[in-house]
N, C-alpha and C. Protein backbone atom coordinates (compact mmCIF):
# COMPACT_ATOMS: atom_id res chain seq x y z
N MET A 1 0.68 30.84 -9.69
CA MET A 1 -0.10 29.83 -9.92
C MET A 1 1.11 28.68 -9.16
N ILE A 2 0.89 27.88 -8.66
CA ILE A 2 2.05 26.88 -8.53
C ILE A 2 2.10 25.53 -9.38
N SER A 3 3.21 25.30 -10.16
CA SER A 3 3.27 24.67 -10.92
C SER A 3 4.38 23.78 -11.05
N VAL A 4 4.36 22.49 -11.86
CA VAL A 4 5.37 21.28 -11.87
C VAL A 4 5.58 21.16 -13.20
N ALA A 5 6.52 20.78 -14.00
CA ALA A 5 6.84 20.54 -15.08
C ALA A 5 7.81 19.45 -15.38
N VAL A 6 7.51 18.63 -16.65
CA VAL A 6 8.66 17.41 -16.85
C VAL A 6 9.57 18.36 -17.47
N CYS A 7 11.23 18.62 -16.72
CA CYS A 7 12.08 19.52 -17.30
C CYS A 7 13.02 18.65 -18.38
N GLY A 8 13.61 18.89 -18.95
CA GLY A 8 14.86 17.74 -19.52
C GLY A 8 15.83 16.41 -19.02
N GLN A 9 16.05 16.53 -17.78
CA GLN A 9 16.16 15.46 -17.04
C GLN A 9 14.89 14.83 -16.52
N GLN A 10 13.95 15.02 -17.36
CA GLN A 10 12.73 14.20 -16.82
C GLN A 10 12.37 13.85 -15.28
N GLU A 11 12.59 14.83 -15.01
CA GLU A 11 12.17 15.01 -13.39
C GLU A 11 11.10 15.99 -13.14
N LEU A 12 10.38 15.83 -12.05
CA LEU A 12 9.82 17.03 -11.81
C LEU A 12 9.99 18.36 -10.97
N ARG A 13 10.03 19.12 -11.36
CA ARG A 13 10.83 20.25 -10.65
C ARG A 13 9.53 21.46 -10.37
N ASN A 14 10.05 22.12 -9.14
CA ASN A 14 8.93 22.93 -9.08
C ASN A 14 9.31 24.12 -8.95
N LYS A 15 8.38 24.87 -9.84
CA LYS A 15 8.85 26.60 -10.45
C LYS A 15 8.58 27.43 -9.40
N PHE A 16 7.90 27.29 -8.54
CA PHE A 16 7.25 28.86 -8.05
C PHE A 16 7.52 28.66 -6.11
N GLY A 17 7.89 27.54 -6.07
CA GLY A 17 7.85 27.26 -4.16
C GLY A 17 6.88 26.20 -4.25
N ASP A 18 7.12 26.03 -2.76
CA ASP A 18 5.88 24.82 -2.37
C ASP A 18 4.69 25.72 -1.42
N VAL A 19 3.92 24.57 -1.17
CA VAL A 19 2.90 24.96 -0.22
C VAL A 19 3.41 24.30 1.01
N TYR A 20 2.99 24.66 2.36
CA TYR A 20 3.22 24.40 3.22
C TYR A 20 1.91 23.34 3.59
N TYR A 21 2.67 21.88 4.11
CA TYR A 21 1.46 20.89 4.10
C TYR A 21 1.21 21.16 5.78
N VAL A 22 -0.05 20.93 5.94
CA VAL A 22 -0.67 20.58 7.18
C VAL A 22 -1.97 19.30 6.89
N ALA A 23 -1.88 18.35 8.03
CA ALA A 23 -2.72 17.60 7.42
C ALA A 23 -4.64 18.15 8.04
N ASN A 24 -5.18 17.94 7.12
CA ASN A 24 -6.17 18.33 7.33
C ASN A 24 -6.75 19.39 7.34
N LEU A 25 -5.69 20.64 6.91
CA LEU A 25 -5.84 22.02 7.04
C LEU A 25 -7.09 22.11 5.95
N TYR A 26 -7.78 21.36 4.92
CA TYR A 26 -9.52 21.94 4.50
C TYR A 26 -10.26 22.21 5.75
N LYS A 27 -10.24 20.87 6.46
CA LYS A 27 -11.05 21.45 7.41
C LYS A 27 -10.97 22.78 8.53
N THR A 28 -9.89 23.12 8.50
CA THR A 28 -9.94 24.59 9.08
C THR A 28 -10.62 25.80 7.96
N ASN A 29 -9.83 25.49 6.90
CA ASN A 29 -10.45 26.80 5.79
C ASN A 29 -11.73 26.48 5.50
N TYR A 30 -12.14 25.65 5.39
CA TYR A 30 -13.81 25.39 4.90
C TYR A 30 -15.14 24.91 5.87
N ASN A 31 -14.29 25.21 7.57
CA ASN A 31 -14.80 24.95 8.19
C ASN A 31 -15.81 23.32 8.48
N ALA A 32 -15.12 22.59 7.90
CA ALA A 32 -16.27 21.57 7.60
C ALA A 32 -15.91 20.10 8.42
N PHE A 33 -16.28 19.33 8.90
CA PHE A 33 -16.01 18.36 9.59
C PHE A 33 -16.50 16.98 8.86
N GLU A 34 -17.00 17.10 7.99
CA GLU A 34 -17.57 15.48 7.70
C GLU A 34 -17.43 15.86 6.04
N GLY A 35 -17.01 14.56 5.65
CA GLY A 35 -15.64 13.99 4.45
C GLY A 35 -15.24 14.87 4.11
N THR A 36 -14.50 14.63 2.71
CA THR A 36 -13.05 14.93 2.41
C THR A 36 -13.25 15.61 1.15
N PRO A 37 -12.28 16.77 0.40
CA PRO A 37 -12.38 17.15 -0.40
C PRO A 37 -11.29 15.73 -1.56
N TYR A 38 -10.87 14.98 -0.98
CA TYR A 38 -10.05 13.74 -1.61
C TYR A 38 -10.62 12.75 -2.02
N LEU A 39 -10.07 12.10 -3.45
CA LEU A 39 -10.83 10.67 -3.34
C LEU A 39 -9.85 9.95 -2.06
N THR A 40 -8.88 10.14 -2.05
CA THR A 40 -8.32 9.15 -0.57
C THR A 40 -7.43 10.01 0.15
N GLU A 41 -7.84 10.28 1.12
CA GLU A 41 -7.14 11.47 2.17
C GLU A 41 -5.53 10.84 2.63
N GLU A 42 -5.19 9.60 2.32
CA GLU A 42 -3.67 9.30 1.91
C GLU A 42 -3.18 9.73 1.27
N PHE A 43 -1.96 10.33 1.06
CA PHE A 43 -0.79 10.44 -0.38
C PHE A 43 -0.83 8.59 -0.80
N THR A 44 -0.63 8.60 -2.03
CA THR A 44 -0.46 7.05 -2.77
C THR A 44 0.78 7.11 -3.14
N PRO A 45 1.42 6.19 -3.48
CA PRO A 45 3.26 5.87 -4.18
C PRO A 45 2.26 5.85 -5.93
N ALA A 46 3.08 6.54 -6.45
CA ALA A 46 2.69 6.42 -7.83
C ALA A 46 3.90 6.88 -8.80
N ASN A 47 4.05 6.40 -9.85
CA ASN A 47 4.70 7.02 -11.01
C ASN A 47 4.13 7.98 -11.99
N ILE A 48 4.64 9.06 -12.54
CA ILE A 48 4.20 10.05 -13.13
C ILE A 48 5.15 10.33 -14.20
N ASN A 49 4.34 9.65 -15.62
CA ASN A 49 4.99 9.98 -16.63
C ASN A 49 6.47 9.13 -16.88
N ASP A 50 7.10 9.43 -17.41
CA ASP A 50 8.61 8.72 -17.16
C ASP A 50 9.74 9.26 -16.13
N VAL A 51 9.17 9.57 -15.25
CA VAL A 51 10.07 10.23 -14.19
C VAL A 51 10.29 9.12 -13.15
N SER A 52 11.82 9.13 -13.27
CA SER A 52 12.50 8.12 -12.75
C SER A 52 11.70 7.73 -11.08
N GLU A 53 11.58 8.91 -10.42
CA GLU A 53 11.28 8.67 -8.83
C GLU A 53 10.06 8.34 -8.41
N THR A 54 9.68 7.67 -7.54
CA THR A 54 8.26 7.55 -7.15
C THR A 54 8.33 8.73 -6.31
N LYS A 55 6.62 8.89 -6.61
CA LYS A 55 6.12 10.18 -5.80
C LYS A 55 5.17 10.03 -5.06
N LEU A 56 4.48 10.53 -4.22
CA LEU A 56 3.57 10.56 -3.25
C LEU A 56 2.16 11.39 -3.90
N VAL A 57 1.18 10.70 -4.26
CA VAL A 57 0.18 11.86 -4.98
C VAL A 57 -1.33 11.65 -4.42
N ARG A 58 -1.87 12.79 -4.23
CA ARG A 58 -3.33 12.33 -3.90
C ARG A 58 -4.77 13.40 -4.66
N PHE A 59 -5.47 12.82 -5.37
CA PHE A 59 -6.17 13.79 -5.78
C PHE A 59 -7.74 14.46 -4.98
N ASP A 60 -7.72 15.82 -5.59
CA ASP A 60 -8.55 17.03 -4.78
C ASP A 60 -9.72 16.69 -5.77
N ALA A 61 -10.98 16.03 -5.28
CA ALA A 61 -11.72 16.24 -6.58
C ALA A 61 -12.87 17.34 -5.82
N PHE A 62 -12.24 17.99 -5.35
CA PHE A 62 -13.66 19.40 -5.32
C PHE A 62 -12.47 20.72 -5.82
N GLU A 63 -11.40 20.91 -5.41
CA GLU A 63 -10.72 21.99 -6.48
C GLU A 63 -9.76 21.39 -7.56
N ASP A 64 -10.38 20.00 -7.99
CA ASP A 64 -9.63 19.07 -9.37
C ASP A 64 -8.19 19.43 -9.47
N ARG A 65 -7.45 18.95 -8.73
CA ARG A 65 -6.23 19.03 -8.73
C ARG A 65 -5.08 18.07 -8.44
N VAL A 66 -4.16 17.69 -8.65
CA VAL A 66 -3.46 16.52 -8.08
C VAL A 66 -2.29 17.14 -7.21
N GLU A 67 -2.04 16.75 -5.84
CA GLU A 67 -1.20 17.14 -5.15
C GLU A 67 0.16 16.47 -5.03
N ILE A 68 1.54 16.33 -5.07
CA ILE A 68 2.56 15.92 -4.71
C ILE A 68 3.23 15.98 -3.54
N ARG A 69 3.26 15.18 -2.54
CA ARG A 69 3.95 15.93 -1.19
C ARG A 69 5.93 15.40 -1.49
N VAL A 70 6.18 16.33 -1.32
CA VAL A 70 7.83 16.38 -1.88
C VAL A 70 8.29 16.32 -0.11
N SER A 71 7.85 16.75 0.58
CA SER A 71 8.37 16.21 1.90
C SER A 71 7.67 16.13 2.96
N ALA A 72 7.95 16.06 4.08
CA ALA A 72 6.96 16.09 6.07
C ALA A 72 6.19 16.94 6.01
N ASN A 73 6.93 18.74 5.24
CA ASN A 73 5.78 19.91 5.55
C ASN A 73 5.37 20.10 4.24
N LYS A 74 5.91 19.61 2.89
CA LYS A 74 5.98 20.38 1.80
C LYS A 74 5.12 19.72 0.55
N VAL A 75 3.83 20.66 -0.24
CA VAL A 75 3.40 19.83 -1.36
C VAL A 75 3.18 20.53 -2.05
N VAL A 76 3.34 20.23 -3.48
CA VAL A 76 3.44 21.04 -4.43
C VAL A 76 1.61 20.64 -5.70
N ILE A 77 1.71 21.31 -6.57
CA ILE A 77 0.20 21.15 -7.29
C ILE A 77 0.71 21.03 -8.67
N LEU A 78 0.54 19.82 -9.28
CA LEU A 78 0.51 19.58 -10.45
C LEU A 78 0.00 20.74 -11.40
N GLN A 79 0.59 21.12 -12.42
CA GLN A 79 -0.14 22.04 -13.61
C GLN A 79 -1.03 21.46 -14.72
N ALA A 80 -2.51 21.63 -14.02
CA ALA A 80 -3.21 20.42 -15.15
C ALA A 80 -3.46 20.75 -16.53
N SER A 81 -2.66 21.76 -17.07
CA SER A 81 -2.70 21.64 -18.80
C SER A 81 -1.54 20.79 -18.87
N GLU A 82 -0.54 20.45 -18.22
CA GLU A 82 0.42 19.72 -18.96
C GLU A 82 -0.03 18.17 -19.05
N PRO A 83 0.34 17.70 -20.07
CA PRO A 83 0.02 15.96 -19.62
C PRO A 83 0.68 14.75 -19.03
N TYR A 84 -0.43 14.46 -18.25
CA TYR A 84 0.67 13.25 -16.99
C TYR A 84 -0.36 12.02 -17.33
N VAL A 85 0.52 11.39 -17.02
CA VAL A 85 -0.31 9.95 -16.64
C VAL A 85 0.45 9.54 -15.71
N ILE A 86 -0.57 9.11 -14.50
CA ILE A 86 -0.03 8.94 -12.84
C ILE A 86 -0.47 7.51 -13.08
N SER A 87 0.22 6.95 -12.65
CA SER A 87 0.33 5.40 -12.21
C SER A 87 0.27 4.82 -10.81
N LEU A 88 -0.93 4.51 -10.08
CA LEU A 88 -0.34 4.27 -8.51
C LEU A 88 0.10 2.69 -8.42
N LEU A 89 0.48 3.01 -7.48
CA LEU A 89 1.73 1.64 -6.88
C LEU A 89 1.21 1.26 -5.67
N ASP A 90 0.11 1.23 -5.64
CA ASP A 90 -0.63 0.40 -4.15
C ASP A 90 -1.14 -0.75 -4.70
N GLY A 91 -1.24 -1.11 -5.49
CA GLY A 91 -1.51 -2.47 -5.84
C GLY A 91 -3.14 -2.39 -6.62
N SER A 92 -3.32 -1.41 -6.82
CA SER A 92 -4.88 -1.11 -7.08
C SER A 92 -4.61 -1.03 -9.07
N ASP A 93 -3.65 -0.69 -9.63
CA ASP A 93 -3.24 -0.89 -10.91
C ASP A 93 -4.25 0.51 -11.65
N ARG A 94 -4.48 1.22 -10.79
CA ARG A 94 -5.47 2.68 -11.32
C ARG A 94 -4.78 3.60 -11.63
N ILE A 95 -4.90 3.78 -12.99
CA ILE A 95 -4.11 4.87 -13.75
C ILE A 95 -5.10 6.15 -14.28
N PHE A 96 -4.57 7.35 -13.58
CA PHE A 96 -5.03 8.33 -14.12
C PHE A 96 -4.12 9.42 -14.92
N GLU A 97 -4.91 10.26 -15.96
CA GLU A 97 -4.56 11.32 -16.98
C GLU A 97 -5.02 12.59 -16.86
N THR A 98 -4.31 14.00 -17.17
CA THR A 98 -4.88 14.88 -17.42
C THR A 98 -5.37 15.14 -18.77
N LYS A 99 -6.73 15.39 -18.77
CA LYS A 99 -7.32 15.58 -20.48
C LYS A 99 -8.52 16.63 -20.31
N LYS A 100 -8.61 17.08 -21.65
CA LYS A 100 -9.46 18.15 -21.66
C LYS A 100 -11.10 17.60 -21.78
N GLY A 101 -12.05 18.20 -20.93
CA GLY A 101 -13.32 17.53 -21.26
C GLY A 101 -14.35 18.29 -20.56
N LEU A 102 -15.29 18.70 -21.29
CA LEU A 102 -16.32 19.21 -20.47
C LEU A 102 -16.85 19.16 -19.12
N ASP A 103 -16.75 20.25 -18.30
CA ASP A 103 -17.10 20.24 -17.03
C ASP A 103 -18.83 20.09 -17.15
N GLU A 104 -19.25 20.31 -15.71
CA GLU A 104 -21.32 20.00 -15.64
C GLU A 104 -21.75 21.54 -16.38
N LYS A 105 -20.94 22.43 -16.40
CA LYS A 105 -21.48 23.80 -17.36
C LYS A 105 -21.12 23.91 -18.60
N GLY A 106 -20.81 23.05 -19.01
CA GLY A 106 -20.61 22.58 -20.52
C GLY A 106 -19.52 23.49 -20.67
N ASN A 107 -18.43 23.92 -19.93
CA ASN A 107 -17.32 24.47 -20.25
C ASN A 107 -15.94 23.42 -20.56
N THR A 108 -15.06 23.52 -21.55
CA THR A 108 -13.84 22.93 -21.65
C THR A 108 -12.92 23.62 -20.65
N THR A 109 -12.42 22.22 -19.92
CA THR A 109 -11.67 22.32 -18.74
C THR A 109 -10.24 20.98 -18.60
N THR A 110 -9.18 21.23 -18.28
CA THR A 110 -8.18 20.66 -18.34
C THR A 110 -8.04 20.28 -16.58
N THR A 111 -8.37 18.60 -17.03
CA THR A 111 -8.13 18.29 -15.09
C THR A 111 -7.94 16.56 -15.30
N PHE A 112 -7.65 16.12 -14.30
CA PHE A 112 -7.45 14.75 -14.17
C PHE A 112 -8.93 13.49 -14.18
N PHE A 113 -8.53 12.36 -14.89
CA PHE A 113 -9.57 11.56 -15.27
C PHE A 113 -8.71 9.71 -14.94
N GLU A 114 -9.60 9.18 -14.63
CA GLU A 114 -9.26 8.06 -14.16
C GLU A 114 -9.23 7.43 -15.64
N LEU A 115 -8.35 6.29 -16.05
CA LEU A 115 -8.74 5.50 -17.32
C LEU A 115 -9.33 4.11 -16.78
N ILE A 116 -10.53 4.11 -17.18
CA ILE A 116 -10.98 2.77 -17.25
C ILE A 116 -10.92 1.37 -17.81
N ALA A 117 -11.13 1.82 -19.25
CA ALA A 117 -10.53 0.79 -20.15
C ALA A 117 -9.88 1.48 -21.29
N ASN A 118 -8.57 0.48 -21.57
CA ASN A 118 -8.00 1.15 -22.78
C ASN A 118 -7.99 0.07 -24.06
N GLN A 119 -9.12 0.16 -24.62
CA GLN A 119 -9.43 -0.69 -25.80
C GLN A 119 -8.93 -0.13 -27.07
N LYS A 120 -8.90 -0.86 -28.25
CA LYS A 120 -8.44 -0.77 -29.60
C LYS A 120 -8.98 0.18 -30.04
N ASP A 121 -10.68 0.79 -29.89
CA ASP A 121 -11.78 1.46 -30.74
C ASP A 121 -11.60 2.88 -29.91
N TYR A 122 -11.46 3.01 -28.46
CA TYR A 122 -11.52 4.01 -27.77
C TYR A 122 -10.96 3.51 -26.27
N LYS A 123 -11.03 4.83 -25.45
CA LYS A 123 -10.83 4.90 -23.95
C LYS A 123 -11.65 5.12 -23.45
N LEU A 124 -12.28 4.85 -22.09
CA LEU A 124 -13.19 5.08 -20.99
C LEU A 124 -12.48 5.67 -20.20
N TYR A 125 -13.11 6.45 -19.36
CA TYR A 125 -12.57 7.53 -18.49
C TYR A 125 -13.37 7.95 -17.51
N LEU A 126 -13.25 7.79 -16.13
CA LEU A 126 -14.24 8.02 -15.19
C LEU A 126 -13.75 9.45 -14.05
N LYS A 127 -14.86 10.57 -14.22
CA LYS A 127 -14.67 11.75 -13.67
C LYS A 127 -15.29 11.57 -12.29
N GLU A 128 -14.65 11.39 -11.11
CA GLU A 128 -15.26 11.84 -9.71
C GLU A 128 -15.29 13.16 -9.22
N LYS A 129 -16.38 13.74 -8.98
CA LYS A 129 -16.43 15.12 -8.04
C LYS A 129 -17.05 14.94 -6.95
N ILE A 130 -16.46 15.99 -6.27
CA ILE A 130 -16.61 16.34 -4.67
C ILE A 130 -16.99 17.15 -4.50
N LYS A 131 -18.33 17.66 -4.04
CA LYS A 131 -18.99 18.76 -3.78
C LYS A 131 -19.14 19.71 -2.21
N PHE A 132 -18.76 20.79 -2.43
CA PHE A 132 -18.70 21.09 -0.77
C PHE A 132 -19.80 21.72 -0.45
N SER A 133 -20.72 21.48 0.48
CA SER A 133 -22.29 22.37 1.25
C SER A 133 -21.73 23.18 2.47
N LYS A 134 -21.70 24.14 2.68
CA LYS A 134 -21.44 25.36 3.75
C LYS A 134 -22.68 24.76 4.53
N ALA A 135 -22.25 25.27 6.04
CA ALA A 135 -23.19 25.10 7.30
C ALA A 135 -24.12 25.74 7.13
N GLU A 136 -25.27 25.08 7.80
CA GLU A 136 -26.42 25.90 7.78
C GLU A 136 -26.98 25.92 9.04
N LYS A 137 -27.64 27.56 9.68
CA LYS A 137 -28.07 27.18 10.96
C LYS A 137 -29.14 26.46 10.93
N ALA A 138 -29.46 26.53 12.59
CA ALA A 138 -31.04 25.59 12.39
C ALA A 138 -31.92 26.93 12.42
N GLN A 139 -33.10 26.38 11.70
CA GLN A 139 -34.25 26.92 10.98
C GLN A 139 -35.73 26.49 11.57
N GLY A 140 -36.30 27.19 12.08
CA GLY A 140 -38.12 26.72 12.46
C GLY A 140 -37.63 25.08 13.09
N TYR A 141 -38.18 24.48 12.25
CA TYR A 141 -38.16 22.97 12.58
C TYR A 141 -37.11 22.37 11.83
N ASP A 142 -36.19 22.87 11.12
CA ASP A 142 -35.19 22.36 10.44
C ASP A 142 -33.68 22.22 11.39
N LYS A 143 -33.29 21.81 11.67
CA LYS A 143 -32.06 21.50 12.22
C LYS A 143 -30.55 22.02 11.55
N ALA A 144 -29.99 22.14 12.41
CA ALA A 144 -28.96 23.21 12.08
C ALA A 144 -27.85 21.77 11.23
N LYS A 145 -26.91 22.39 10.05
CA LYS A 145 -26.22 21.50 9.07
C LYS A 145 -24.52 21.65 9.13
N LEU A 146 -24.08 20.61 9.25
CA LEU A 146 -22.54 20.93 9.54
C LEU A 146 -21.99 21.17 7.81
N ALA A 147 -21.03 21.95 7.50
CA ALA A 147 -20.36 22.16 6.43
C ALA A 147 -19.63 20.70 6.12
N THR A 148 -20.29 20.41 4.65
CA THR A 148 -19.65 19.15 4.56
C THR A 148 -18.88 18.83 3.11
N PHE A 149 -17.96 17.89 2.61
CA PHE A 149 -17.85 17.48 1.25
C PHE A 149 -18.46 16.32 1.49
N LYS A 150 -18.96 16.02 0.24
CA LYS A 150 -19.62 14.82 -0.38
C LYS A 150 -19.60 14.39 -1.52
N LYS A 151 -19.48 13.00 -2.15
CA LYS A 151 -19.28 12.67 -3.33
C LYS A 151 -20.37 12.87 -4.60
N GLN A 152 -20.24 13.57 -5.60
CA GLN A 152 -21.34 13.34 -6.31
C GLN A 152 -21.71 12.57 -7.20
N HIS A 153 -22.41 11.91 -7.82
CA HIS A 153 -22.38 10.64 -9.07
C HIS A 153 -21.27 11.03 -10.09
N ALA A 154 -20.86 9.88 -10.25
CA ALA A 154 -19.74 9.95 -11.20
C ALA A 154 -19.82 10.25 -12.52
N ALA A 155 -18.98 10.79 -13.40
CA ALA A 155 -19.51 11.08 -15.02
C ALA A 155 -18.25 10.09 -16.03
N TYR A 156 -18.79 9.58 -16.81
CA TYR A 156 -18.51 8.65 -17.65
C TYR A 156 -17.70 9.35 -18.67
N TYR A 157 -16.42 9.61 -19.43
CA TYR A 157 -16.30 10.41 -20.52
C TYR A 157 -15.85 9.25 -21.48
N ILE A 158 -15.55 9.50 -22.68
CA ILE A 158 -15.13 8.49 -23.86
C ILE A 158 -14.32 9.30 -24.63
N THR A 159 -13.00 9.04 -25.57
CA THR A 159 -12.27 9.51 -26.33
C THR A 159 -13.29 9.94 -27.61
N ASP A 160 -13.11 11.16 -28.10
CA ASP A 160 -14.04 11.16 -29.11
C ASP A 160 -14.03 10.31 -30.29
N PHE A 161 -14.75 9.70 -31.05
CA PHE A 161 -14.64 8.47 -31.85
C PHE A 161 -15.62 9.50 -32.94
N LYS A 162 -16.40 10.62 -33.09
CA LYS A 162 -17.21 10.97 -33.94
C LYS A 162 -16.42 11.82 -34.93
N ILE A 163 -14.80 12.62 -34.22
CA ILE A 163 -14.33 13.39 -34.96
C ILE A 163 -12.72 13.33 -34.53
N PRO A 164 -12.16 13.67 -35.39
CA PRO A 164 -10.74 13.77 -34.91
C PRO A 164 -10.40 14.82 -33.87
N SER A 165 -10.12 14.56 -32.21
CA SER A 165 -10.05 15.42 -31.23
C SER A 165 -9.50 14.93 -30.11
N ASP A 166 -8.83 15.91 -29.61
CA ASP A 166 -8.24 14.80 -28.47
C ASP A 166 -9.17 15.26 -27.11
N GLN A 167 -10.34 15.82 -27.06
CA GLN A 167 -11.06 16.23 -26.34
C GLN A 167 -12.06 15.16 -25.62
N LEU A 168 -12.13 14.53 -24.73
CA LEU A 168 -13.16 13.82 -24.01
C LEU A 168 -14.39 14.16 -24.17
N ILE A 169 -15.43 13.35 -24.34
CA ILE A 169 -16.82 13.49 -24.82
C ILE A 169 -17.44 12.59 -23.52
N ARG A 170 -18.37 13.37 -23.12
CA ARG A 170 -18.81 13.16 -21.68
C ARG A 170 -20.04 12.41 -22.01
N ILE A 171 -20.20 11.10 -21.41
CA ILE A 171 -21.28 10.16 -21.46
C ILE A 171 -22.33 10.45 -20.48
N PRO A 172 -23.86 10.41 -21.78
CA PRO A 172 -25.06 11.10 -21.16
C PRO A 172 -25.28 9.36 -20.03
N SER A 173 -26.10 10.21 -18.89
CA SER A 173 -26.43 9.20 -17.89
C SER A 173 -27.62 8.85 -17.95
N LYS A 174 -28.29 9.08 -18.87
CA LYS A 174 -29.95 8.63 -19.21
C LYS A 174 -29.70 7.74 -20.36
N VAL A 175 -30.56 6.49 -20.37
CA VAL A 175 -30.80 5.41 -20.99
C VAL A 175 -30.82 6.07 -22.49
N LYS A 176 -32.10 6.78 -22.48
CA LYS A 176 -32.44 7.58 -23.37
C LYS A 176 -31.55 8.31 -24.33
N SER A 177 -30.82 9.15 -23.58
CA SER A 177 -30.29 10.10 -24.17
C SER A 177 -28.43 8.90 -24.51
N PHE A 178 -28.38 8.14 -24.11
CA PHE A 178 -27.18 7.25 -24.36
C PHE A 178 -27.15 6.81 -25.59
N VAL A 179 -28.25 5.77 -25.73
CA VAL A 179 -28.76 5.01 -26.77
C VAL A 179 -28.54 6.34 -28.18
N ALA A 180 -29.11 7.31 -28.00
CA ALA A 180 -29.22 8.35 -29.10
C ALA A 180 -27.83 8.91 -28.96
N PHE A 181 -26.56 8.81 -28.36
CA PHE A 181 -25.21 8.80 -28.23
C PHE A 181 -24.53 8.14 -29.56
N LEU A 182 -24.88 6.90 -29.79
CA LEU A 182 -24.27 6.45 -30.34
C LEU A 182 -25.08 5.94 -32.17
N PRO A 183 -25.04 6.89 -32.81
CA PRO A 183 -25.40 7.25 -33.94
C PRO A 183 -25.56 5.45 -34.75
N ASN A 184 -26.78 5.54 -35.46
CA ASN A 184 -27.29 4.60 -36.31
C ASN A 184 -27.37 2.84 -35.59
N SER A 185 -27.03 2.91 -34.19
CA SER A 185 -27.27 1.84 -33.53
C SER A 185 -28.31 1.81 -32.44
N SER A 186 -29.02 2.80 -32.54
CA SER A 186 -30.07 3.00 -31.37
C SER A 186 -30.57 2.19 -30.75
N LYS A 187 -31.75 1.26 -31.45
CA LYS A 187 -32.58 0.35 -31.53
C LYS A 187 -31.64 -1.27 -30.68
N ARG A 188 -30.22 -1.28 -31.70
CA ARG A 188 -29.58 -2.59 -31.40
C ARG A 188 -29.20 -2.15 -29.85
N ILE A 189 -28.46 -0.93 -30.21
CA ILE A 189 -28.06 -0.84 -28.60
C ILE A 189 -29.00 -1.12 -27.37
N LYS A 190 -30.06 -0.39 -27.85
CA LYS A 190 -31.12 -0.63 -26.74
C LYS A 190 -31.60 -1.77 -26.23
N LYS A 191 -31.44 -2.57 -27.14
CA LYS A 191 -32.06 -3.97 -27.25
C LYS A 191 -30.95 -5.04 -26.49
N PHE A 192 -29.79 -4.37 -26.98
CA PHE A 192 -28.68 -5.22 -26.07
C PHE A 192 -28.35 -5.05 -24.61
N ILE A 193 -28.78 -3.22 -24.36
CA ILE A 193 -28.69 -3.30 -22.97
C ILE A 193 -30.02 -3.97 -22.35
N LYS A 194 -30.91 -3.65 -22.71
CA LYS A 194 -32.08 -4.15 -22.13
C LYS A 194 -32.03 -5.98 -22.05
N ASP A 195 -32.02 -6.46 -22.90
CA ASP A 195 -31.58 -8.39 -22.96
C ASP A 195 -30.33 -8.57 -22.10
N ASN A 196 -29.61 -8.01 -21.65
CA ASN A 196 -28.40 -7.99 -20.55
C ASN A 196 -28.46 -7.55 -19.65
N LYS A 197 -29.55 -6.77 -19.24
CA LYS A 197 -29.89 -5.85 -17.98
C LYS A 197 -28.58 -5.07 -17.45
N PHE A 198 -27.90 -4.47 -18.45
CA PHE A 198 -26.89 -3.72 -18.04
C PHE A 198 -27.44 -2.31 -17.59
N LYS A 199 -26.73 -1.62 -17.30
CA LYS A 199 -26.24 0.02 -16.29
C LYS A 199 -25.46 0.58 -17.35
N ILE A 200 -26.22 1.56 -17.30
CA ILE A 200 -24.98 2.44 -18.21
C ILE A 200 -24.07 3.67 -16.79
N ASP A 201 -24.32 3.07 -15.79
CA ASP A 201 -23.23 3.98 -14.37
C ASP A 201 -22.81 3.04 -13.87
N LYS A 202 -22.47 1.73 -14.46
CA LYS A 202 -21.41 0.89 -14.15
C LYS A 202 -20.54 0.61 -14.93
N SER A 203 -19.10 0.79 -14.52
CA SER A 203 -17.89 1.16 -15.68
C SER A 203 -18.05 -0.39 -16.63
N ASP A 204 -17.89 -1.79 -16.13
CA ASP A 204 -17.98 -3.05 -16.72
C ASP A 204 -18.79 -3.01 -17.50
N ASP A 205 -20.21 -2.41 -17.22
CA ASP A 205 -20.94 -2.71 -18.01
C ASP A 205 -21.11 -1.71 -19.52
N LEU A 206 -20.50 -0.68 -19.13
CA LEU A 206 -20.39 0.62 -20.06
C LEU A 206 -19.36 -0.19 -21.03
N VAL A 207 -17.98 -0.72 -20.74
CA VAL A 207 -16.86 -1.60 -21.38
C VAL A 207 -17.77 -2.55 -22.66
N LYS A 208 -18.54 -3.11 -21.82
CA LYS A 208 -19.39 -4.28 -22.88
C LYS A 208 -20.47 -3.41 -24.00
N ILE A 209 -21.03 -2.52 -23.21
CA ILE A 209 -21.88 -2.10 -24.29
C ILE A 209 -20.84 -1.06 -25.55
N PHE A 210 -19.62 -0.53 -25.35
CA PHE A 210 -19.36 0.24 -26.08
C PHE A 210 -18.28 -1.12 -27.15
N ASP A 211 -17.83 -2.13 -26.46
CA ASP A 211 -17.26 -3.56 -27.47
C ASP A 211 -17.94 -3.68 -28.18
N PHE A 212 -19.77 -3.84 -27.84
CA PHE A 212 -20.32 -4.36 -28.38
C PHE A 212 -20.78 -3.56 -29.86
N TYR A 213 -20.94 -2.26 -29.54
CA TYR A 213 -20.91 -0.91 -30.42
C TYR A 213 -20.05 -1.02 -31.60
N PHE A 214 -18.49 -1.07 -31.03
CA PHE A 214 -17.29 -1.18 -32.16
C PHE A 214 -17.45 -2.03 -32.97
N GLU A 215 -17.89 -3.39 -32.39
CA GLU A 215 -17.71 -4.53 -32.81
C GLU A 215 -18.74 -4.63 -34.26
N ASN A 216 -19.39 -3.84 -34.25
CA ASN A 216 -20.71 -4.28 -35.28
C ASN A 216 -21.29 -3.00 -35.83
N ASN A 217 -19.99 -1.80 -35.74
CA ASN A 217 -20.11 -0.82 -36.70
C ASN A 217 -18.79 -0.47 -37.78
């Protein structure tokens, strides 16, 4: 596996060699002509931890990994098991961190999450995933389908406020499950969501809901 780590000089060093970089190589590898496995196709300037040099990064939401472009033809991949804070320098103020969390199959995995809110009582994170669908031949009345990368519904995570843990908790996407997720406050939270017409799949609304929860507990 290719790995990048923070060494004593606080610089990113590549341990096992570089990956040869070809723009849009994934289209050949996956025979995909629609969509992209990346959150953004272009590499974005960013600060990583306290490394002095600005790096060019992009996020592969299909393979769940962060790529760093080190030269015109070379890319290295961050080792997800290492703790990283990646601050984009494109004016968006977006911050990504590598954290432990549960994947869609219920397995614990360490990957990158976007930090949405850094509040006194909790941190809220967004996890975006991209799914790959293979090409399908035409059958009967069904037309042929191209191989595609497509964004899935984003999932939200929160720091574990129930027990001491460095693992993020996945927030339920259904209102009924969500209110049950907040112990001793289900009725009050349900009313708060209804009265304000909040959506639990919107980050701004989630922040207001959790702020209300922690202020009243």
